[in-house]
Protein backbone atom coordinates (compact mmCIF):
# COMPACT_ATOMS: atom_id res chain seq x y z
CA UNK A 1 54.91 -20.29 -5.53
CA UNK A 2 52.32 -23.02 -6.06
CA UNK A 3 50.98 -22.41 -10.05
CA UNK A 4 47.56 -20.90 -9.00
CA UNK A 5 49.03 -18.16 -6.92
CA UNK A 6 51.54 -17.47 -10.17
CA UNK A 7 48.87 -17.74 -12.64
CA UNK A 8 46.77 -14.90 -10.50
CA UNK A 9 49.49 -12.55 -9.95
CA UNK A 10 50.27 -12.99 -13.54
CA UNK A 11 46.92 -13.33 -15.37
CA UNK A 12 43.89 -12.97 -12.48
CA UNK A 13 41.72 -9.99 -12.97
CA UNK A 14 41.73 -9.40 -9.06
CA UNK A 15 38.93 -7.32 -8.28
CA UNK A 16 37.61 -6.16 -11.52
CA UNK A 17 36.62 -9.47 -13.44
CA UNK A 18 33.00 -8.92 -13.12
CA UNK A 19 33.21 -5.23 -14.68
CA UNK A 20 30.61 -4.72 -17.85
CA UNK A 21 32.86 -3.21 -21.04
CA UNK A 22 31.20 0.02 -20.39
CA UNK A 23 32.51 0.10 -16.83
CA UNK A 24 35.36 -1.23 -17.83
CA UNK A 25 36.17 1.62 -20.25
CA UNK A 26 34.80 4.29 -17.67
CA UNK A 27 37.45 3.12 -15.04
CA UNK A 28 40.05 3.39 -17.43
CA UNK A 29 39.51 6.88 -19.22
CA UNK A 30 38.96 7.99 -15.29
CA UNK A 31 42.50 6.72 -14.83
CA UNK A 32 43.73 8.06 -18.27
CA UNK A 33 44.83 4.55 -19.64
CA UNK A 34 47.59 4.66 -16.73
CA UNK A 35 48.10 0.97 -16.70
CA UNK A 36 51.78 -0.19 -16.29
CA UNK A 37 53.58 -2.51 -18.63
CA UNK A 38 54.19 -5.39 -16.34
CA UNK A 39 50.17 -5.52 -15.43
CA UNK A 40 49.20 -5.50 -18.95
CA UNK A 41 47.83 -9.20 -19.02
CA UNK A 42 45.71 -8.25 -15.87
CA UNK A 43 44.47 -5.87 -18.06
CA UNK A 44 43.60 -7.73 -20.81
CA UNK A 45 42.03 -10.45 -18.81
CA UNK A 46 39.48 -7.61 -17.71
CA UNK A 47 39.07 -6.50 -21.36
CA UNK A 48 38.53 -9.88 -22.37
CA UNK A 49 36.48 -11.09 -19.22
CA UNK A 50 34.08 -7.78 -19.50
CA UNK A 51 32.55 -9.10 -23.17
CA UNK A 52 30.77 -12.21 -21.87
CA UNK A 53 30.20 -10.14 -18.39
CA UNK A 54 28.37 -7.29 -20.23
CA UNK A 55 26.18 -9.95 -21.62
CA UNK A 56 25.71 -11.80 -18.85
CA UNK A 57 24.59 -8.97 -16.99
CA UNK A 58 22.09 -7.90 -19.60
CA UNK A 59 20.53 -11.93 -19.04
CA UNK A 60 20.24 -10.84 -15.31
CA UNK A 61 18.38 -7.43 -15.79
CA UNK A 62 16.02 -9.06 -18.65
CA UNK A 63 15.19 -12.21 -16.60
CA UNK A 64 14.88 -10.92 -12.93
CA UNK A 65 15.12 -6.83 -13.14
CA UNK A 66 11.65 -6.38 -12.79
CA UNK A 67 11.74 -8.97 -9.79
CA UNK A 68 14.94 -7.88 -7.88
CA UNK A 69 14.35 -4.30 -8.04
CA UNK A 70 10.58 -4.44 -6.02
CA UNK A 71 12.57 -6.18 -3.20
CA UNK A 72 12.70 -4.97 -0.12
CA UNK A 73 15.62 -5.32 1.82
CA UNK A 74 15.21 -5.81 5.55
CA UNK A 75 17.97 -3.91 8.26
CA UNK A 76 21.13 -5.72 7.57
CA UNK A 77 23.33 -6.76 10.41
CA UNK A 78 27.06 -4.75 10.10
CA UNK A 79 29.73 -6.25 11.16
CA UNK A 80 32.33 -3.43 11.61
CA UNK A 81 35.89 -3.32 12.18
CA UNK A 82 39.33 -2.21 10.67
CA UNK A 83 41.06 -4.72 8.13
CA UNK A 84 42.49 -7.85 10.20
CA UNK A 85 40.35 -7.09 13.85
CA UNK A 86 38.81 -10.46 12.86
CA UNK A 87 35.43 -9.38 11.17
CA UNK A 88 36.03 -12.60 8.56
CA UNK A 89 36.34 -14.81 11.54
CA UNK A 90 33.19 -12.94 12.98
CA UNK A 91 31.17 -12.50 9.86
CA UNK A 92 31.75 -16.89 9.42
CA UNK A 93 30.75 -17.35 12.77
CA UNK A 94 27.53 -15.22 12.38
CA UNK A 95 26.76 -16.75 8.89
CA UNK A 96 26.17 -20.31 10.54
CA UNK A 97 22.93 -19.26 11.19
CA UNK A 98 21.12 -20.13 8.02
CA UNK A 99 18.29 -18.00 9.05
CA UNK A 100 20.33 -15.06 7.56
CA UNK A 101 22.11 -14.75 4.15
CA UNK A 102 25.64 -13.21 3.10
CA UNK A 103 26.95 -11.92 0.29
CA UNK A 104 29.98 -14.41 -1.05
CA UNK A 105 32.93 -14.46 -2.98
CA UNK A 106 30.98 -14.71 -6.15
CA UNK A 107 28.70 -12.42 -5.82
CA UNK A 108 30.94 -9.46 -4.77
CA UNK A 109 33.37 -9.97 -7.43
CA UNK A 110 30.65 -10.23 -10.08
CA UNK A 111 27.60 -8.03 -8.94
CA UNK A 112 26.78 -7.34 -12.50
CA UNK A 113 25.99 -11.04 -13.54
CA UNK A 114 25.58 -13.38 -10.54
CA UNK A 115 21.79 -14.17 -10.87
CA UNK A 116 22.55 -15.84 -13.92
CA UNK A 117 26.12 -17.18 -14.17
CA UNK A 118 27.11 -17.98 -10.31
CA UNK A 119 25.86 -21.86 -10.56
CA UNK A 120 28.64 -22.92 -12.96
CA UNK A 121 31.25 -19.80 -13.17
CA UNK A 122 31.92 -20.18 -9.43
CA UNK A 123 33.02 -24.08 -10.03
CA UNK A 124 35.39 -22.67 -12.62
CA UNK A 125 36.89 -20.31 -11.17
CA UNK A 126 37.29 -22.27 -7.86
CA UNK A 127 39.63 -24.51 -9.85
CA UNK A 128 41.90 -21.68 -10.37
CA UNK A 129 41.82 -20.28 -6.84
CA UNK A 130 44.17 -21.27 -4.22
CA UNK A 131 42.64 -23.42 -1.41
CA UNK A 132 43.78 -20.75 0.86
CA UNK A 133 43.59 -16.84 0.86
CA UNK A 134 47.25 -14.95 0.19
CA UNK A 135 47.24 -13.31 3.41
CA UNK A 136 46.39 -16.22 5.92
CA UNK A 137 45.08 -19.85 6.39
CA UNK A 138 41.62 -18.98 5.61
CA UNK A 139 39.63 -21.17 3.69
CA UNK A 140 38.99 -19.44 -0.03
CA UNK A 141 36.15 -20.31 -2.21
CA UNK A 142 33.67 -18.64 -4.37
CA UNK A 143 31.01 -19.49 -2.05
CA UNK A 144 32.08 -18.51 1.05
CA UNK A 145 31.28 -14.96 3.00
CA UNK A 146 32.99 -11.58 1.39
CA UNK A 147 32.62 -8.06 2.28
CA UNK A 148 30.15 -6.23 -0.08
CA UNK A 149 33.03 -3.39 -0.73
CA UNK A 150 34.31 -5.09 -3.42
CA UNK A 151 30.92 -5.64 -5.00
CA UNK A 152 31.04 -1.45 -4.90
CA UNK A 153 34.32 -0.95 -6.27
CA UNK A 154 32.70 -2.95 -9.77
CA UNK A 155 29.65 -1.11 -9.39
CA UNK A 156 30.92 2.52 -8.45
CA UNK A 157 34.45 2.68 -7.87
CA UNK A 158 33.54 4.61 -5.00
CA UNK A 159 35.36 2.76 -2.45
CA UNK A 160 39.14 2.66 -1.08
CA UNK A 161 40.10 -0.26 -1.94
CA UNK A 162 40.21 0.90 -5.49
CA UNK A 163 43.28 2.44 -4.46
CA UNK A 164 44.74 -1.40 -4.09
CA UNK A 165 43.85 -1.31 -8.04
CA UNK A 166 45.55 1.92 -8.65
CA UNK A 167 48.33 2.92 -6.16
CA UNK A 168 49.40 5.78 -7.65
CA UNK A 169 46.02 7.46 -7.84
CA UNK A 170 45.63 6.26 -4.39
CA UNK A 171 44.51 9.57 -3.29
CA UNK A 172 41.79 9.73 -5.51
CA UNK A 173 40.05 7.02 -3.49
CA UNK A 174 40.63 7.42 -0.33
CA UNK A 175 38.00 9.89 0.25
CA UNK A 176 35.17 7.03 -0.39
CA UNK A 177 36.07 5.83 2.90
CA UNK A 178 34.35 7.94 5.61
CA UNK A 179 32.08 9.18 2.15
CA UNK A 180 32.57 12.76 3.91
CA UNK A 181 34.45 14.81 1.60
CA UNK A 182 31.81 13.48 -1.28
CA UNK A 183 29.34 15.65 -3.30
CA UNK A 184 25.62 14.54 -2.56
CA UNK A 185 25.25 13.61 -6.40
CA UNK A 186 28.47 11.14 -5.75
CA UNK A 187 26.71 9.81 -2.31
CA UNK A 188 23.60 8.90 -4.35
CA UNK A 189 25.31 6.95 -6.71
CA UNK A 190 27.01 5.20 -4.12
CA UNK A 191 24.01 4.67 -2.46
CA UNK A 192 22.04 4.06 -5.59
CA UNK A 193 24.84 0.89 -6.20
CA UNK A 194 24.89 -0.65 -2.84
CA UNK A 195 21.00 -0.59 -2.53
CA UNK A 196 21.11 -2.35 -5.86
CA UNK A 197 23.28 -4.67 -4.88
CA UNK A 198 21.53 -5.70 -2.16
CA UNK A 199 18.14 -6.05 -3.60
CA UNK A 200 20.05 -8.86 -5.73
CA UNK A 201 21.41 -10.30 -2.95
CA UNK A 202 17.96 -10.14 -1.17
CA UNK A 203 15.91 -11.36 -4.12
CA UNK A 204 18.90 -14.55 -4.14
CA UNK A 205 18.58 -15.52 -1.01
CA UNK A 206 14.76 -14.27 0.51
CA UNK A 207 16.51 -13.68 3.89
CA UNK A 208 18.29 -10.90 5.74
CA UNK A 209 21.90 -10.13 5.31
CA UNK A 210 24.62 -9.99 7.53
CA UNK A 211 27.18 -7.71 5.60
CA UNK A 212 30.98 -7.56 6.68
CA UNK A 213 32.82 -4.65 5.14
CA UNK A 214 35.64 -3.03 6.88
CA UNK A 215 34.93 1.06 5.42
CA UNK A 216 31.46 0.30 6.53
CA UNK A 217 33.31 1.00 10.09
CA UNK A 218 33.40 5.07 9.00
CA UNK A 219 30.24 5.01 7.28
CA UNK A 220 27.60 4.14 10.32
CA UNK A 221 25.61 7.70 9.55
CA UNK A 222 25.42 6.53 6.19
CA UNK A 223 24.21 3.42 7.06
CA UNK A 224 21.14 4.56 9.38
CA UNK A 225 19.67 7.11 6.40
CA UNK A 226 19.60 3.69 4.61
CA UNK A 227 18.89 1.17 7.29
CA UNK A 228 17.42 3.09 10.57
CA UNK A 229 16.92 -0.30 12.22
CA UNK A 230 19.97 -1.93 10.99
CA UNK A 231 22.14 -3.31 13.80
CA UNK A 232 25.98 -3.25 14.33
CA UNK A 233 28.68 -5.37 16.18
CA UNK A 234 32.37 -3.91 16.08
CA UNK A 235 35.22 -6.17 16.83
CA UNK A 236 38.11 -4.46 18.10
CA UNK A 237 41.83 -5.82 18.39
CA UNK A 238 45.30 -4.77 19.28
CA UNK A 239 46.45 -2.41 17.43
CA UNK A 240 50.26 -3.45 16.81
CA UNK A 241 49.11 -6.52 15.79
CA UNK A 242 46.17 -5.10 13.52
CA UNK A 243 49.13 -3.01 11.79
CA UNK A 244 51.39 -5.88 11.11
CA UNK A 245 48.80 -8.09 9.84
CA UNK A 246 47.11 -5.25 7.74
CA UNK A 247 50.97 -4.35 6.18
CA UNK A 248 51.12 -8.33 5.32
CA UNK A 249 47.51 -8.38 3.94
CA UNK A 250 48.03 -5.39 1.60
CA UNK A 251 50.97 -6.34 0.55
CA UNK A 252 49.50 -9.93 -0.71
CA UNK A 253 46.60 -8.53 -2.40
CA UNK A 254 48.03 -5.53 -3.75
CA UNK A 255 49.82 -7.73 -6.47
CA UNK A 256 46.58 -10.07 -7.03
CA UNK A 257 44.72 -6.48 -8.15
CA UNK A 258 46.82 -3.78 -9.00
CA UNK A 259 47.25 -2.65 -12.79
CA UNK A 260 49.76 -0.05 -11.59
CA UNK A 261 53.54 -0.51 -9.77
CA UNK A 262 53.40 0.67 -6.29
CA UNK A 263 56.06 3.47 -4.89
CA UNK A 264 57.45 1.30 -1.65
CA UNK A 265 56.63 -0.32 1.47
CA UNK A 266 56.96 2.96 3.32
CA UNK A 267 54.67 4.69 1.57
CA UNK A 268 52.01 1.48 2.25
CA UNK A 269 52.95 1.99 5.82
CA UNK A 270 51.79 5.46 5.74
CA UNK A 271 48.39 4.99 4.45
CA UNK A 272 47.72 2.24 6.62
CA UNK A 273 48.72 4.59 10.16
CA UNK A 274 46.29 7.49 7.81
CA UNK A 275 43.38 5.20 6.98
CA UNK A 276 42.86 3.98 10.17
CA UNK A 277 43.21 7.06 11.86
CA UNK A 278 40.16 8.41 9.17
CA UNK A 279 38.44 5.04 10.27
CA UNK A 280 38.40 5.44 13.94
CA UNK A 281 37.59 9.09 14.25
CA UNK A 282 34.62 8.56 11.84
CA UNK A 283 33.74 5.59 13.89
CA UNK A 284 33.61 7.20 17.47
CA UNK A 285 31.96 10.49 16.28
CA UNK A 286 28.78 8.60 14.63
CA UNK A 287 29.34 5.31 16.81
CA UNK A 288 26.56 7.06 19.50
CA UNK A 289 24.46 8.15 16.48
CA UNK A 290 23.49 4.40 16.73
CA UNK A 291 19.91 3.84 18.77
CA UNK A 292 19.92 1.44 21.89
CA UNK A 293 19.86 -2.04 21.10
CA UNK A 294 21.14 -1.76 18.04
CA UNK A 295 24.80 -2.10 18.72
CA UNK A 296 27.18 -4.21 20.77
CA UNK A 297 31.02 -4.63 20.83
CA UNK A 298 33.50 -7.92 21.12
CA UNK A 299 37.25 -7.70 21.32
CA UNK A 300 39.28 -10.83 19.22
CA UNK A 301 40.82 -12.10 22.06
CA UNK A 302 37.60 -12.93 23.53
CA UNK A 303 35.79 -14.29 20.40
CA UNK A 304 39.18 -16.53 19.81
CA UNK A 305 38.83 -17.58 23.44
CA UNK A 306 35.24 -18.35 23.70
CA UNK A 307 33.34 -17.88 20.27
CA UNK A 308 30.15 -19.44 21.06
CA UNK A 309 29.71 -17.76 24.13
CA UNK A 310 30.74 -14.18 22.47
CA UNK A 311 28.15 -15.20 19.68
CA UNK A 312 25.63 -16.13 22.48
CA UNK A 313 26.45 -12.44 24.10
CA UNK A 314 25.87 -10.66 20.62
CA UNK A 315 22.58 -12.67 19.82
CA UNK A 316 21.42 -11.01 23.27
CA UNK A 317 22.38 -7.72 22.69
CA UNK A 318 20.98 -7.02 19.41
CA UNK A 319 18.43 -8.94 19.74
CA UNK A 320 19.21 -11.64 17.43
CA UNK A 321 16.31 -14.63 16.53
CA UNK A 322 16.54 -17.68 19.35
CA UNK A 323 20.19 -18.18 19.56
CA UNK A 324 19.58 -21.79 20.59
CA UNK A 325 18.55 -23.08 17.44
CA UNK A 326 21.68 -22.54 16.12
CA UNK A 327 24.22 -23.37 19.51
CA UNK A 328 24.49 -26.82 17.68
CA UNK A 329 25.57 -25.72 14.34
CA UNK A 330 27.92 -22.88 15.99
CA UNK A 331 29.63 -25.29 18.28
CA UNK A 332 30.48 -28.03 15.36
CA UNK A 333 31.82 -25.10 13.13
CA UNK A 334 34.08 -24.32 15.71
CA UNK A 335 35.64 -27.98 16.68
CA UNK A 336 36.05 -27.77 12.77
CA UNK A 337 38.37 -25.14 12.83
CA UNK A 338 40.15 -25.82 15.98
CA UNK A 339 43.48 -26.68 14.44
CA UNK A 340 43.68 -23.22 13.02
CA UNK A 341 46.68 -21.43 13.28
CA UNK A 342 47.27 -17.34 12.97
CA UNK A 343 50.27 -16.28 11.29
CA UNK A 344 52.60 -15.10 13.79
CA UNK A 345 54.94 -11.54 13.07
CA UNK A 346 58.44 -10.40 14.64
CA UNK A 347 58.42 -7.13 16.97
CA UNK A 348 58.09 -4.29 14.73
CA UNK A 349 60.78 -1.95 14.59
CA UNK A 350 60.75 0.60 17.73
CA UNK A 351 60.28 3.88 16.10
CA UNK A 352 57.22 2.36 14.04
CA UNK A 353 55.51 1.14 17.38
CA UNK A 354 56.11 4.67 18.46
CA UNK A 355 54.53 5.93 15.61
CA UNK A 356 51.28 3.72 15.72
CA UNK A 357 51.43 4.07 19.42
CA UNK A 358 51.06 8.04 18.96
CA UNK A 359 48.76 8.10 15.88
CA UNK A 360 46.24 5.62 17.39
CA UNK A 361 46.20 6.43 20.28
CA UNK A 362 42.57 6.93 21.08
CA UNK A 363 42.31 2.87 20.41
CA UNK A 364 44.57 2.06 22.69
CA UNK A 365 42.89 3.86 25.38
CA UNK A 366 39.38 3.18 24.53
CA UNK A 367 39.89 -0.61 24.89
CA UNK A 368 42.92 -0.82 27.31
CA UNK A 369 45.34 -2.29 25.34
CA UNK A 370 48.92 -1.61 26.48
CA UNK A 371 51.21 0.68 24.47
CA UNK A 372 54.96 -0.87 24.01
């Protein structure tokens, strides 16, 4: 393992490096200071970082608070799909268009202070980051597009991704996937945190946002309440490939973020199976709420085979700005990643394949994927 990976696993702050001291103390109290001894170095890093982050947060507020709170967020474009459906690839393709903006890694990890600190701090962090993400071969830089869910972890704790950090309390955070069994007070807090982050991102860019966060797949109704004119593009993929790739992703990312020891690999498999069902039960229930002309769907296989053609189709379906203006830049980007190689996996155990086929049956049927 290279020194950067070793450093991040042992001392990296994970998702919580951008917390203020007050929020960090609140999170520890909420979880009864239940940090495993092996994770104490990470907790110490977060504690130390929270002090300058608190000062930078106040700098953001004093310098820009009145301005970004006055911003009106244009209707975003939401990229939907389960983890490992190809949402990152689709997000990267869509954000080639400079008429749109996106939250990047730094902004999502440091939502409290990025207006003041991003320019210098992001360069320092890039030095410690591996060149590629731990779960695949995608480039990993602070300026790369990122999912806004991470900003919600830092700002509100109301995210299923908090279960990666506190795996022994995972059930506490799973409800925030769909937000369906959450009190009105908590929903209001979540909306306020999300809107504030989007206002800051819009203030920085002055452009409409293209957002990607897998949990949003299960929150269509909530997102439409906030942005009735938002547009949505959903990407789907073979469920067997999704399971295997999600399994690898979580094994990697949990090691980078956790503050507690996790129980077992079998427990992780059960969580993947259960959360996928929750996500797509909500998606299939709420998809019809999206007004005509504001939704389209693509498959990962089609996007992989003809990325430019599929993006053109998305522009037409959602009535996005003139595609011809981005065609050349998009074609250049596609050529630049032509050598990218996906992870390959051995076949899943037969019993696990049966569980996937049974539990995720609706997805197999909806998109005509063959069961094994």
